[in-house]
């Protein structure tokens, strides 16, 4: 039987048979080879191969898989009624743009954002809850418009989990 090379048997005419059979060289501290070629620190090994990225974008894709998503929570009847009441209050404060600017109603809306990464296993199944704070510009038939530091944001009613703000604290 032939000696093993990894998991396969060594062929009869293997060119490096003698080298393989000698094994790894062992150098002593006073050896000329070790003095001329000191061993490289493990921390430097990664620096040698770091510019080589065989799979471009692989690290980013792996990092995106680590993002945690959750299933969308359905509101119970009481929470849905409270959310509808709060939307009605906001609509009354901002039924036209002049009233919206005069009343300057600031709210924080928590809403569901579905996973938009087609390569993630949660795509189409789950998402994340995000909160945004801004001035209410208007409440339409199926969305609320907010003015934030970054611009205008439209949020659909079916994604809203909760709305909070000082306007609700004073009315209750």
Foldseek 3Di string as FASTA:
>chain_A
DADDDVPHGDDPVDPCVVVVVVPDDDDDPPDPVCVVPPDDDPVCVCVVCVVDDPDPCPVVVVVVQPDDWDAADDDDPVQVVVQVVVLVVQCVQAVDQVSLVVVQFKKKWKFWDQDPDPPYPRHPGTTDIDIDIFRWRHRDPFWTWGQHPVGIDIDGPVGTRDMDGPVVVVVD
